């Protein structure tokens, strides 16, 4: 169930409108403030070298070089700290391996409320981080039930065949070091260890998936838009179709992915029994909002409730693959997500990095379930058009 909302008042459902960005570029106050400070010091030192006959680079070159120095290619395990507003500050623990025998780039750095994730990078949110071997007790373990996670993301350079991901796994309780030597686990055993996984976002500027994996069944229910393929028996299947390419994509009428937008994930609980009821997704830009609900996948929530109560770890990554049509492919229904000839498999154009910022965690109101209107798409669209 899904819908599109035109936001005319602060009474609209989902996160408050005051947190929704316009279609302008990010405010880089904390990131660029640090850059300006370092750049000023570099300018002073560089100009002081004139008497020694050194050449003085242009100020624009200094700014560019300083930004690269701050976040492009972090060679170590600890990739800075990221602030989740109203909640906590976490270390970014960068993976050394994407999968066994495939080194990660570690081109990732967090500064203030922003994290820049380079291609082939993956990082785990941690309570602490020390150089050396990976320690399981360093990883975040948070019960996300009854909470809302909000952030802003820029997918303008994350094209077809590319995947910017933010997700939860149970790696804090992984019993094996695994093939990546860092206790990483996920639903498909990328590093040889399987566990529950909640993909809050697997996305590019043409497609978005929010997917539930209990780590037991092969069933992986999802909401969002994009994706298609064939089963082993040759039968065609479609990915989620909660939103259309006209609503989500470059130049779209609601979420124009050539500009930054806000994402919010609500972990809705059954308040009588305190168990997971749904993860509600809201994408907001300007006065328009897309939403989708996983409430119809009730059978998977008993296991995920247990995993969430134990505490799950946030993971962030950016990667590409020639077989990404499961995420962004067009199917037999005629909806064109990634279908142009130049976007076919093997012809990817992924930007060097993706930026997430303005992370915030809040608690959902106790009467959230009563406040939430039915997410039947037809009913919702009629209500929004009034």
Protein backbone atom coordinates (compact mmCIF):
# COMPACT_ATOMS: atom_id res chain seq x y z
CA UNK A 1 0.00 0.00 0.00
CA UNK A 2 1.37 3.37 -0.89
CA UNK A 3 0.58 6.88 -1.96
CA UNK A 4 1.64 10.35 -2.88
CA UNK A 5 0.91 13.27 -0.61
CA UNK A 6 0.83 16.98 -1.36
CA UNK A 7 1.82 18.50 1.96
CA UNK A 8 -0.32 21.51 2.71
CA UNK A 9 -0.06 21.60 6.49
CA UNK A 10 1.98 20.44 9.46
CA UNK A 11 -0.84 17.98 10.25
CA UNK A 12 0.19 15.66 7.43
CA UNK A 13 1.18 12.15 8.50
CA UNK A 14 4.77 11.05 8.73
CA UNK A 15 7.72 13.16 9.87
CA UNK A 16 7.18 16.89 10.47
CA UNK A 17 7.43 19.05 7.39
CA UNK A 18 9.99 21.26 9.09
CA UNK A 19 12.56 18.51 8.55
CA UNK A 20 11.86 18.18 4.83
CA UNK A 21 14.50 19.74 2.57
CA UNK A 22 13.65 21.83 -0.45
CA UNK A 23 15.11 20.94 -3.82
CA UNK A 24 18.19 23.04 -3.09
CA UNK A 25 21.56 21.47 -2.41
CA UNK A 26 22.59 20.45 1.08
CA UNK A 27 23.65 22.99 3.63
CA UNK A 28 27.24 21.97 4.24
CA UNK A 29 27.78 24.07 7.35
CA UNK A 30 29.59 21.53 9.49
CA UNK A 31 31.50 19.87 6.67
CA UNK A 32 32.55 23.07 4.93
CA UNK A 33 33.26 24.76 8.26
CA UNK A 34 35.93 22.18 8.93
CA UNK A 35 37.21 22.52 5.37
CA UNK A 36 37.43 26.31 5.72
CA UNK A 37 39.39 26.02 8.97
CA UNK A 38 41.94 23.60 7.53
CA UNK A 39 42.13 25.58 4.29
CA UNK A 40 42.86 28.79 6.21
CA UNK A 41 45.75 27.14 7.99
CA UNK A 42 47.06 25.77 4.72
CA UNK A 43 46.88 29.21 3.10
CA UNK A 44 48.86 30.80 5.93
CA UNK A 45 51.57 28.15 5.80
CA UNK A 46 51.73 28.19 1.99
CA UNK A 47 52.03 31.95 1.63
CA UNK A 48 54.65 31.99 4.36
CA UNK A 49 56.75 29.87 2.01
CA UNK A 50 56.99 32.61 -0.63
CA UNK A 51 60.37 33.78 0.68
CA UNK A 52 61.69 30.30 0.03
CA UNK A 53 60.60 30.53 -3.59
CA UNK A 54 57.71 28.05 -3.35
CA UNK A 55 54.77 28.29 -5.74
CA UNK A 56 51.44 29.22 -4.18
CA UNK A 57 48.45 27.15 -5.42
CA UNK A 58 45.16 28.85 -6.16
CA UNK A 59 42.70 29.01 -3.21
CA UNK A 60 40.14 26.90 -5.14
CA UNK A 61 42.74 24.16 -5.53
CA UNK A 62 43.43 24.30 -1.80
CA UNK A 63 39.73 23.89 -1.00
CA UNK A 64 39.37 20.94 -3.34
CA UNK A 65 42.51 19.25 -2.05
CA UNK A 66 41.45 19.84 1.57
CA UNK A 67 38.04 18.24 1.00
CA UNK A 68 39.68 15.22 -0.57
CA UNK A 69 42.10 15.04 2.36
CA UNK A 70 39.20 15.07 4.83
CA UNK A 71 37.17 12.21 3.43
CA UNK A 72 38.37 10.60 0.21
CA UNK A 73 40.27 7.39 0.93
CA UNK A 74 40.34 6.83 4.64
CA UNK A 75 43.04 4.12 4.88
CA UNK A 76 42.29 2.98 8.42
CA UNK A 77 39.62 1.16 10.33
CA UNK A 78 38.05 4.22 11.99
CA UNK A 79 36.32 6.55 9.52
CA UNK A 80 35.32 9.40 11.82
CA UNK A 81 32.25 10.06 13.95
CA UNK A 82 28.67 10.66 12.83
CA UNK A 83 26.10 12.53 14.90
CA UNK A 84 22.54 11.20 15.00
CA UNK A 85 20.68 14.26 16.24
CA UNK A 86 18.69 13.88 19.47
CA UNK A 87 20.14 10.41 19.96
CA UNK A 88 23.89 9.70 20.02
CA UNK A 89 27.23 9.97 18.23
CA UNK A 90 28.68 6.88 16.56
CA UNK A 91 32.02 5.84 15.14
CA UNK A 92 32.15 4.67 11.54
CA UNK A 93 34.00 1.34 11.49
CA UNK A 94 35.08 0.74 7.91
CA UNK A 95 35.18 -2.77 6.48
CA UNK A 96 38.49 -3.93 5.04
CA UNK A 97 36.80 -6.48 2.75
CA UNK A 98 33.60 -6.21 0.71
CA UNK A 99 33.53 -9.98 0.50
CA UNK A 100 36.23 -12.65 0.83
CA UNK A 101 39.11 -11.91 -1.56
CA UNK A 102 37.59 -8.54 -2.57
CA UNK A 103 39.16 -5.63 -0.63
CA UNK A 104 37.00 -2.62 0.23
CA UNK A 105 38.15 0.85 -0.82
CA UNK A 106 37.63 2.43 2.64
CA UNK A 107 37.01 5.77 0.89
CA UNK A 108 34.55 6.80 3.60
CA UNK A 109 34.60 9.52 6.22
CA UNK A 110 32.08 10.97 8.65
CA UNK A 111 32.29 14.54 9.89
CA UNK A 112 29.64 16.10 12.12
CA UNK A 113 26.22 15.20 10.75
CA UNK A 114 27.39 14.05 7.29
CA UNK A 115 29.00 10.89 5.96
CA UNK A 116 30.54 10.59 2.49
CA UNK A 117 30.62 7.03 1.22
CA UNK A 118 32.97 6.21 -1.64
CA UNK A 119 32.46 3.42 -4.15
CA UNK A 120 33.24 -0.07 -2.77
CA UNK A 121 33.02 1.14 0.83
CA UNK A 122 31.06 -0.33 3.73
CA UNK A 123 30.97 0.85 7.33
CA UNK A 124 29.36 -0.26 10.58
CA UNK A 125 28.00 2.18 13.18
CA UNK A 126 29.90 1.61 16.41
CA UNK A 127 29.90 2.70 20.04
CA UNK A 128 33.70 2.76 19.91
CA UNK A 129 36.52 2.18 17.44
CA UNK A 130 40.16 1.29 18.00
CA UNK A 131 42.75 0.50 15.37
CA UNK A 132 43.68 -3.13 14.99
CA UNK A 133 41.49 -6.20 14.76
CA UNK A 134 37.69 -5.89 14.56
CA UNK A 135 36.02 -6.32 17.95
CA UNK A 136 32.40 -7.43 18.14
CA UNK A 137 31.71 -5.37 21.25
CA UNK A 138 32.43 -2.16 19.30
CA UNK A 139 29.31 -2.41 17.16
CA UNK A 140 26.11 -0.49 17.82
CA UNK A 141 23.25 -2.56 19.25
CA UNK A 142 20.04 -0.50 19.18
CA UNK A 143 16.41 -1.57 19.51
CA UNK A 144 14.77 0.51 16.78
CA UNK A 145 11.18 -0.42 17.68
CA UNK A 146 9.00 2.62 18.29
CA UNK A 147 11.58 4.95 16.71
CA UNK A 148 11.83 7.09 13.59
CA UNK A 149 15.12 7.34 11.67
CA UNK A 150 15.36 10.38 9.40
CA UNK A 151 18.17 11.50 7.09
CA UNK A 152 18.81 13.38 3.85
CA UNK A 153 20.47 11.74 0.87
CA UNK A 154 21.79 12.93 -2.48
CA UNK A 155 21.44 10.23 -5.17
CA UNK A 156 21.98 12.54 -8.13
CA UNK A 157 25.15 10.68 -9.21
CA UNK A 158 23.97 7.21 -8.16
CA UNK A 159 22.78 5.95 -11.53
CA UNK A 160 21.49 2.66 -12.88
CA UNK A 161 23.56 -0.32 -11.80
CA UNK A 162 24.68 1.49 -8.61
CA UNK A 163 23.40 0.85 -5.08
CA UNK A 164 23.54 3.22 -2.09
CA UNK A 165 22.43 1.21 0.93
CA UNK A 166 21.53 1.80 4.57
CA UNK A 167 20.44 -1.27 6.50
CA UNK A 168 20.29 -3.14 9.80
CA UNK A 169 21.91 -6.49 10.58
CA UNK A 170 22.40 -8.61 13.70
CA UNK A 171 26.20 -8.59 13.52
CA UNK A 172 26.57 -7.63 17.17
CA UNK A 173 25.52 -11.21 17.92
CA UNK A 174 27.25 -12.93 15.02
CA UNK A 175 29.00 -16.04 16.35
CA UNK A 176 31.63 -16.22 13.60
CA UNK A 177 34.31 -13.81 12.47
CA UNK A 178 33.38 -14.69 8.90
CA UNK A 179 35.18 -14.47 5.60
CA UNK A 180 35.67 -10.69 5.96
CA UNK A 181 37.27 -11.03 9.44
CA UNK A 182 34.91 -8.47 11.02
CA UNK A 183 31.84 -10.48 12.17
CA UNK A 184 29.79 -9.05 9.29
CA UNK A 185 26.65 -11.01 8.50
CA UNK A 186 23.64 -10.44 6.25
CA UNK A 187 20.73 -12.27 4.68
CA UNK A 188 22.69 -13.58 1.68
CA UNK A 189 25.93 -14.55 3.50
CA UNK A 190 28.18 -12.16 1.57
CA UNK A 191 30.97 -12.86 4.08
CA UNK A 192 29.91 -16.49 4.72
CA UNK A 193 27.70 -15.69 7.75
CA UNK A 194 23.91 -15.37 7.53
CA UNK A 195 21.67 -13.34 9.83
CA UNK A 196 18.53 -11.19 9.85
CA UNK A 197 18.68 -8.02 7.76
CA UNK A 198 16.37 -5.05 7.31
CA UNK A 199 17.23 -3.05 4.20
CA UNK A 200 15.95 0.40 5.06
CA UNK A 201 17.23 1.68 1.73
CA UNK A 202 18.79 0.08 -1.31
CA UNK A 203 18.52 2.78 -3.92
CA UNK A 204 19.76 4.77 -6.86
CA UNK A 205 18.21 7.69 -8.69
CA UNK A 206 15.77 5.38 -10.52
CA UNK A 207 14.80 2.82 -7.88
CA UNK A 208 14.23 2.37 -4.15
CA UNK A 209 13.74 -0.85 -2.14
CA UNK A 210 12.94 -1.28 1.55
CA UNK A 211 13.24 -5.03 2.16
CA UNK A 212 12.69 -7.40 5.10
CA UNK A 213 14.85 -10.53 5.63
CA UNK A 214 14.45 -12.74 8.70
CA UNK A 215 17.58 -14.76 7.91
CA UNK A 216 15.56 -17.98 7.85
CA UNK A 217 13.21 -18.04 4.86
CA UNK A 218 14.17 -17.11 1.28
CA UNK A 219 11.12 -14.83 1.20
CA UNK A 220 12.18 -11.16 1.04
CA UNK A 221 9.10 -8.89 0.96
CA UNK A 222 9.77 -5.30 -0.07
CA UNK A 223 8.21 -1.96 -0.92
CA UNK A 224 9.35 0.93 -3.10
CA UNK A 225 9.86 0.94 -6.87
CA UNK A 226 11.95 -0.76 -9.54
CA UNK A 227 13.33 -4.16 -10.36
CA UNK A 228 12.42 -7.15 -12.51
CA UNK A 229 13.88 -10.47 -13.61
CA UNK A 230 13.38 -14.16 -14.26
CA UNK A 231 13.20 -17.13 -11.94
CA UNK A 232 15.36 -20.20 -12.49
CA UNK A 233 12.35 -21.71 -14.25
CA UNK A 234 12.21 -18.77 -16.67
CA UNK A 235 9.15 -17.10 -15.13
CA UNK A 236 9.13 -13.31 -15.08
CA UNK A 237 8.80 -11.42 -11.81
CA UNK A 238 8.43 -7.77 -10.86
CA UNK A 239 9.96 -5.76 -8.05
CA UNK A 240 7.84 -3.39 -5.93
CA UNK A 241 5.64 -0.93 -7.79
CA UNK A 242 4.44 1.33 -4.97
CA UNK A 243 5.73 4.37 -6.88
CA UNK A 244 6.08 5.04 -10.59
CA UNK A 245 9.03 6.50 -12.54
CA UNK A 246 6.93 9.64 -12.89
CA UNK A 247 6.80 9.98 -9.08
CA UNK A 248 10.39 8.93 -8.25
CA UNK A 249 13.37 9.58 -10.51
CA UNK A 250 15.36 12.35 -12.22
CA UNK A 251 12.93 15.20 -12.95
CA UNK A 252 10.00 13.32 -11.34
CA UNK A 253 6.90 15.16 -10.20
CA UNK A 254 7.30 14.26 -6.50
CA UNK A 255 10.81 13.04 -5.63
CA UNK A 256 13.21 14.52 -8.17
CA UNK A 257 16.30 12.42 -7.49
CA UNK A 258 18.57 14.89 -9.27
CA UNK A 259 18.23 16.87 -6.04
CA UNK A 260 18.60 15.82 -2.35
CA UNK A 261 15.53 14.56 -0.51
CA UNK A 262 14.61 13.37 2.96
CA UNK A 263 13.92 9.75 3.92
CA UNK A 264 12.17 8.66 7.12
CA UNK A 265 11.68 5.11 8.36
CA UNK A 266 9.09 4.56 11.11
CA UNK A 267 9.37 1.35 13.16
CA UNK A 268 5.71 0.98 14.03
CA UNK A 269 4.83 -1.36 16.91
CA UNK A 270 1.69 -3.07 18.13
CA UNK A 271 1.45 -1.07 21.33
CA UNK A 272 -0.66 -3.68 23.14
CA UNK A 273 1.94 -6.43 22.74
CA UNK A 274 5.07 -4.39 21.87
CA UNK A 275 5.90 -6.25 18.72
CA UNK A 276 6.74 -5.00 15.25
CA UNK A 277 3.74 -4.13 13.12
CA UNK A 278 5.24 -2.31 10.15
CA UNK A 279 8.11 -0.27 8.81
CA UNK A 280 6.59 2.78 7.17
CA UNK A 281 8.66 4.60 4.55
CA UNK A 282 8.35 8.32 3.79
CA UNK A 283 10.31 10.16 1.09
CA UNK A 284 9.86 13.93 1.18
CA UNK A 285 10.97 16.78 -1.04
CA UNK A 286 9.50 20.27 -0.93
CA UNK A 287 5.71 19.92 -0.54
CA UNK A 288 5.45 16.37 -1.84
CA UNK A 289 5.81 13.05 -0.05
CA UNK A 290 5.78 9.41 -1.15
CA UNK A 291 5.03 6.68 1.36
CA UNK A 292 4.74 2.91 1.58
CA UNK A 293 4.01 0.41 4.35
CA UNK A 294 5.25 -3.12 5.04
CA UNK A 295 2.30 -3.89 7.32
CA UNK A 296 0.93 -6.49 4.87
CA UNK A 297 4.00 -8.70 5.53
CA UNK A 298 2.95 -9.58 9.08
CA UNK A 299 4.30 -13.16 8.94
CA UNK A 300 7.91 -11.99 8.96
CA UNK A 301 7.67 -9.68 11.97
CA UNK A 302 7.78 -12.23 14.85
CA UNK A 303 11.41 -13.08 14.00
CA UNK A 304 12.35 -9.48 13.28
CA UNK A 305 10.81 -8.41 16.59
CA UNK A 306 13.24 -10.74 18.38
CA UNK A 307 16.21 -9.44 16.42
CA UNK A 308 15.25 -5.80 17.02
CA UNK A 309 14.78 -6.41 20.74
CA UNK A 310 18.31 -7.85 20.86
CA UNK A 311 19.64 -4.71 19.16
CA UNK A 312 20.69 -4.33 15.52
CA UNK A 313 23.63 -2.55 13.89
CA UNK A 314 23.31 0.12 11.20
CA UNK A 315 25.45 -0.47 8.11
CA UNK A 316 26.07 1.92 5.22
CA UNK A 317 27.58 1.01 1.84
CA UNK A 318 27.95 1.99 -1.81
CA UNK A 319 28.57 -0.55 -4.57
CA UNK A 320 27.90 -1.44 -8.19
CA UNK A 321 27.23 -4.62 -10.10
CA UNK A 322 26.42 -5.58 -13.71
CA UNK A 323 23.46 -7.60 -12.45
CA UNK A 324 21.61 -4.85 -10.57
CA UNK A 325 18.36 -5.27 -12.53
CA UNK A 326 16.80 -6.93 -9.46
CA UNK A 327 16.85 -3.38 -8.03
CA UNK A 328 16.28 -1.08 -11.00
CA UNK A 329 15.28 -3.20 -14.00
CA UNK A 330 12.14 -2.58 -16.05
CA UNK A 331 9.65 -5.45 -16.39
CA UNK A 332 6.77 -6.67 -18.48
CA UNK A 333 4.42 -4.09 -16.95
CA UNK A 334 5.93 -1.36 -19.15
CA UNK A 335 7.18 0.86 -16.33
CA UNK A 336 10.59 2.12 -17.41
CA UNK A 337 12.99 2.42 -14.51
CA UNK A 338 16.35 1.57 -16.14
CA UNK A 339 15.49 0.60 -19.68
CA UNK A 340 17.30 2.97 -22.04
CA UNK A 341 19.86 1.24 -24.25
CA UNK A 342 22.77 3.04 -22.60
CA UNK A 343 21.62 1.89 -19.14
CA UNK A 344 21.73 -1.83 -19.82
CA UNK A 345 23.84 -4.15 -17.67
CA UNK A 346 27.56 -3.59 -17.96
CA UNK A 347 27.22 0.10 -18.88
CA UNK A 348 27.05 1.70 -15.45
CA UNK A 349 27.92 5.30 -14.62
CA UNK A 350 28.30 5.48 -10.85
CA UNK A 351 29.47 8.68 -9.19
CA UNK A 352 32.58 8.36 -6.99
CA UNK A 353 30.63 8.82 -3.75
CA UNK A 354 27.21 9.34 -2.18
CA UNK A 355 26.43 11.76 0.67
CA UNK A 356 24.08 11.15 3.61
CA UNK A 357 23.48 13.87 6.19
CA UNK A 358 21.11 15.30 8.81
CA UNK A 359 20.57 11.99 10.59
CA UNK A 360 18.03 12.19 13.37
CA UNK A 361 16.36 9.64 15.67
CA UNK A 362 13.10 10.39 17.46
CA UNK A 363 10.54 8.34 19.36
CA UNK A 364 7.17 7.76 17.73
CA UNK A 365 4.13 9.02 19.65
CA UNK A 366 2.38 6.32 21.64
CA UNK A 367 -0.84 6.92 19.70
CA UNK A 368 0.89 6.57 16.34
CA UNK A 369 -1.20 3.56 15.28
CA UNK A 370 -4.43 5.44 15.88
CA UNK A 371 -3.12 8.48 14.00
CA UNK A 372 -1.97 6.55 10.94
CA UNK A 373 -4.60 6.49 8.17
CA UNK A 374 -5.08 3.38 6.02
CA UNK A 375 -2.42 3.16 3.31
CA UNK A 376 -4.68 1.70 0.64
CA UNK A 377 -3.39 3.45 -2.46
CA UNK A 378 -6.74 4.36 -4.01
CA UNK A 379 -8.20 5.69 -0.78
CA UNK A 380 -5.04 7.65 0.00
CA UNK A 381 -4.85 9.25 -3.44
CA UNK A 382 -8.48 10.40 -3.17
CA UNK A 383 -7.82 11.90 0.25
CA UNK A 384 -4.72 13.73 -1.02
CA UNK A 385 -6.48 15.16 -4.03
CA UNK A 386 -9.15 16.84 -1.92
